[in-house]
Amino acid sequence: MGTLGCDLFEILGAISGMGNAVNNVAIQIHCIFVLLVWLWATPFSLKPALEIWNRFIPEGYLATCSFDYLTDS
């Protein structure tokens, strides 16, 4: 999978996961907030991919990637 594969997996997973969760709430409030929700979710996935804030690493059985929550930094 490698570092690039891990980064791509988590970028797409983080954006779609957090974005979709808050997207459902935003749809109920108003349609204009949908764009703002996706913009809100983007930094949480790009910062670890660029190693600005933490990083993505393989976890468990090396089948998926997630935030590096074990390393103290």
N, C-alpha and C. Protein backbone atom coordinates (compact mmCIF):
# COMPACT_ATOMS: atom_id res chain seq x y z
N MET A 1 0.83 -1.19 0.00
CA MET A 1 0.00 0.00 0.00
C MET A 1 0.88 1.24 0.00
N GLY A 2 1.85 1.30 0.84
CA GLY A 2 2.80 2.40 0.83
C GLY A 2 2.24 3.68 1.41
N THR A 3 3.12 4.66 1.53
CA THR A 3 2.75 5.94 2.11
C THR A 3 1.75 6.69 1.23
N LEU A 4 1.98 6.71 -0.08
CA LEU A 4 1.08 7.42 -0.98
C LEU A 4 -0.31 6.79 -0.96
N GLY A 5 -0.37 5.48 -1.00
CA GLY A 5 -1.66 4.79 -0.94
C GLY A 5 -2.37 5.05 0.36
N CYS A 6 -1.61 5.08 1.45
CA CYS A 6 -2.18 5.36 2.77
C CYS A 6 -2.74 6.78 2.80
N ASP A 7 -1.99 7.73 2.28
CA ASP A 7 -2.45 9.11 2.26
C ASP A 7 -3.73 9.27 1.44
N LEU A 8 -3.76 8.68 0.25
CA LEU A 8 -4.94 8.79 -0.60
C LEU A 8 -6.16 8.13 0.04
N PHE A 9 -5.94 6.96 0.64
CA PHE A 9 -7.03 6.24 1.31
C PHE A 9 -7.64 7.09 2.42
N GLU A 10 -6.80 7.71 3.22
CA GLU A 10 -7.29 8.49 4.35
C GLU A 10 -7.84 9.84 3.95
N ILE A 11 -7.28 10.46 2.91
CA ILE A 11 -7.84 11.74 2.45
C ILE A 11 -9.28 11.52 2.00
N LEU A 12 -9.49 10.51 1.17
CA LEU A 12 -10.83 10.25 0.68
C LEU A 12 -11.76 9.79 1.80
N GLY A 13 -11.24 8.96 2.70
CA GLY A 13 -12.06 8.49 3.81
C GLY A 13 -12.43 9.59 4.79
N ALA A 14 -11.47 10.45 5.10
CA ALA A 14 -11.72 11.52 6.05
C ALA A 14 -12.68 12.56 5.49
N ILE A 15 -12.45 12.96 4.24
CA ILE A 15 -13.33 13.96 3.64
C ILE A 15 -14.75 13.41 3.51
N SER A 16 -14.88 12.20 2.98
CA SER A 16 -16.22 11.68 2.79
C SER A 16 -16.89 11.32 4.10
N GLY A 17 -16.15 10.81 5.07
CA GLY A 17 -16.74 10.43 6.35
C GLY A 17 -17.23 11.62 7.14
N MET A 18 -16.34 12.57 7.39
CA MET A 18 -16.73 13.75 8.16
C MET A 18 -17.67 14.64 7.36
N GLY A 19 -17.41 14.75 6.08
CA GLY A 19 -18.26 15.59 5.24
C GLY A 19 -19.68 15.08 5.16
N ASN A 20 -19.84 13.77 4.99
CA ASN A 20 -21.18 13.21 4.89
C ASN A 20 -21.95 13.30 6.20
N ALA A 21 -21.26 13.09 7.30
CA ALA A 21 -21.94 13.15 8.60
C ALA A 21 -22.53 14.54 8.86
N VAL A 22 -21.73 15.56 8.62
CA VAL A 22 -22.20 16.91 8.87
C VAL A 22 -23.07 17.40 7.71
N ASN A 23 -22.89 16.82 6.55
CA ASN A 23 -23.68 17.18 5.38
C ASN A 23 -25.17 16.93 5.62
N ASN A 24 -25.51 15.84 6.28
CA ASN A 24 -26.91 15.54 6.56
C ASN A 24 -27.54 16.61 7.44
N VAL A 25 -26.79 17.11 8.39
CA VAL A 25 -27.30 18.18 9.25
C VAL A 25 -27.44 19.46 8.43
N ALA A 26 -26.45 19.75 7.62
CA ALA A 26 -26.47 20.99 6.84
C ALA A 26 -27.61 21.01 5.83
N ILE A 27 -27.95 19.88 5.27
CA ILE A 27 -29.06 19.82 4.32
C ILE A 27 -30.36 20.22 5.01
N GLN A 28 -30.50 19.80 6.24
CA GLN A 28 -31.71 20.14 6.97
C GLN A 28 -31.78 21.64 7.30
N ILE A 29 -30.63 22.23 7.53
CA ILE A 29 -30.60 23.65 7.88
C ILE A 29 -30.79 24.52 6.65
N HIS A 30 -29.90 24.32 5.70
CA HIS A 30 -29.97 25.14 4.49
C HIS A 30 -28.97 24.61 3.49
N CYS A 31 -29.29 24.70 2.23
CA CYS A 31 -28.42 24.13 1.19
C CYS A 31 -27.09 24.84 1.05
N ILE A 32 -27.00 26.11 1.37
CA ILE A 32 -25.75 26.85 1.23
C ILE A 32 -24.68 26.33 2.18
N PHE A 33 -25.11 25.76 3.30
CA PHE A 33 -24.16 25.26 4.28
C PHE A 33 -23.46 23.99 3.81
N VAL A 34 -23.98 23.33 2.80
CA VAL A 34 -23.36 22.10 2.29
C VAL A 34 -21.94 22.39 1.81
N LEU A 35 -21.75 23.45 1.07
CA LEU A 35 -20.43 23.83 0.59
C LEU A 35 -19.51 24.14 1.77
N LEU A 36 -20.01 24.85 2.74
CA LEU A 36 -19.21 25.19 3.92
C LEU A 36 -18.79 23.96 4.70
N VAL A 37 -19.64 22.97 4.75
CA VAL A 37 -19.32 21.71 5.46
C VAL A 37 -18.16 21.01 4.78
N TRP A 38 -18.20 20.93 3.46
CA TRP A 38 -17.11 20.25 2.75
C TRP A 38 -15.80 21.03 2.88
N LEU A 39 -15.88 22.34 2.90
CA LEU A 39 -14.67 23.14 3.13
C LEU A 39 -14.15 22.94 4.55
N TRP A 40 -15.05 22.75 5.50
CA TRP A 40 -14.66 22.49 6.89
C TRP A 40 -13.96 21.15 7.02
N ALA A 41 -14.40 20.14 6.30
CA ALA A 41 -13.83 18.80 6.42
C ALA A 41 -12.47 18.66 5.72
N THR A 42 -12.19 19.49 4.76
CA THR A 42 -10.96 19.36 3.97
C THR A 42 -9.67 19.49 4.79
N PRO A 43 -9.50 20.47 5.67
CA PRO A 43 -8.23 20.57 6.41
C PRO A 43 -7.94 19.35 7.29
N PHE A 44 -8.99 18.71 7.79
CA PHE A 44 -8.78 17.55 8.65
C PHE A 44 -8.22 16.35 7.90
N SER A 45 -8.32 16.36 6.60
CA SER A 45 -7.75 15.27 5.82
C SER A 45 -6.46 15.68 5.10
N LEU A 46 -6.33 16.94 4.74
CA LEU A 46 -5.13 17.37 4.03
C LEU A 46 -3.93 17.59 4.95
N LYS A 47 -4.18 18.08 6.16
CA LYS A 47 -3.07 18.34 7.08
C LYS A 47 -2.29 17.08 7.43
N PRO A 48 -2.93 15.96 7.77
CA PRO A 48 -2.15 14.75 8.02
C PRO A 48 -1.48 14.23 6.75
N ALA A 49 -2.12 14.37 5.61
CA ALA A 49 -1.52 13.90 4.36
C ALA A 49 -0.25 14.67 4.03
N LEU A 50 -0.23 15.95 4.37
CA LEU A 50 0.95 16.78 4.14
C LEU A 50 1.90 16.79 5.34
N GLU A 51 1.55 16.02 6.37
CA GLU A 51 2.31 15.91 7.62
C GLU A 51 2.50 17.26 8.31
N ILE A 52 1.52 18.13 8.19
CA ILE A 52 1.51 19.39 8.91
C ILE A 52 1.00 19.14 10.32
N TRP A 53 -0.01 18.32 10.41
CA TRP A 53 -0.64 17.96 11.68
C TRP A 53 -0.78 16.45 11.70
N ASN A 54 0.11 15.78 12.44
CA ASN A 54 0.14 14.32 12.53
C ASN A 54 0.44 13.72 11.16
N ARG A 55 0.03 12.45 10.93
CA ARG A 55 0.27 11.78 9.66
C ARG A 55 -0.63 10.55 9.58
N PHE A 56 -0.69 9.97 8.39
CA PHE A 56 -1.44 8.73 8.19
C PHE A 56 -0.46 7.56 8.17
N ILE A 57 -0.82 6.47 8.82
CA ILE A 57 0.00 5.26 8.83
C ILE A 57 -0.90 4.04 8.71
N PRO A 58 -0.35 2.92 8.22
CA PRO A 58 -1.13 1.67 8.23
C PRO A 58 -1.40 1.24 9.67
N GLU A 59 -2.55 0.63 9.89
CA GLU A 59 -2.88 0.20 11.24
C GLU A 59 -3.33 -1.26 11.23
N GLY A 60 -3.34 -1.84 12.40
CA GLY A 60 -3.86 -3.19 12.57
C GLY A 60 -3.15 -4.20 11.69
N TYR A 61 -3.90 -4.82 10.81
CA TYR A 61 -3.36 -5.85 9.92
C TYR A 61 -2.82 -5.27 8.62
N LEU A 62 -2.56 -3.98 8.62
CA LEU A 62 -2.02 -3.25 7.47
C LEU A 62 -2.97 -3.26 6.28
N ALA A 63 -4.26 -3.38 6.56
CA ALA A 63 -5.26 -3.38 5.50
C ALA A 63 -5.88 -2.00 5.31
N THR A 64 -5.82 -1.16 6.33
CA THR A 64 -6.36 0.19 6.24
C THR A 64 -5.37 1.17 6.84
N CYS A 65 -5.62 2.44 6.65
CA CYS A 65 -4.77 3.49 7.21
C CYS A 65 -5.63 4.42 8.05
N SER A 66 -4.98 5.04 9.02
CA SER A 66 -5.68 5.97 9.88
C SER A 66 -4.69 6.99 10.41
N PHE A 67 -5.19 7.91 11.23
CA PHE A 67 -4.32 8.88 11.87
C PHE A 67 -3.33 8.14 12.77
N ASP A 68 -2.14 8.66 12.90
CA ASP A 68 -1.13 8.08 13.79
C ASP A 68 -1.43 8.53 15.22
N TYR A 69 -2.26 7.75 15.89
CA TYR A 69 -2.68 8.12 17.24
C TYR A 69 -1.82 7.50 18.32
N LEU A 70 -0.80 6.72 17.96
CA LEU A 70 0.05 6.07 18.95
C LEU A 70 1.35 6.83 19.21
N THR A 71 1.86 7.56 18.23
CA THR A 71 3.12 8.25 18.36
C THR A 71 2.93 9.59 19.08
N ASP A 72 3.72 9.82 20.13
CA ASP A 72 3.70 11.10 20.81
C ASP A 72 4.48 12.12 19.99
N SER A 73 3.87 13.24 19.71
CA SER A 73 4.61 14.26 18.94
C SER A 73 4.34 15.64 19.51
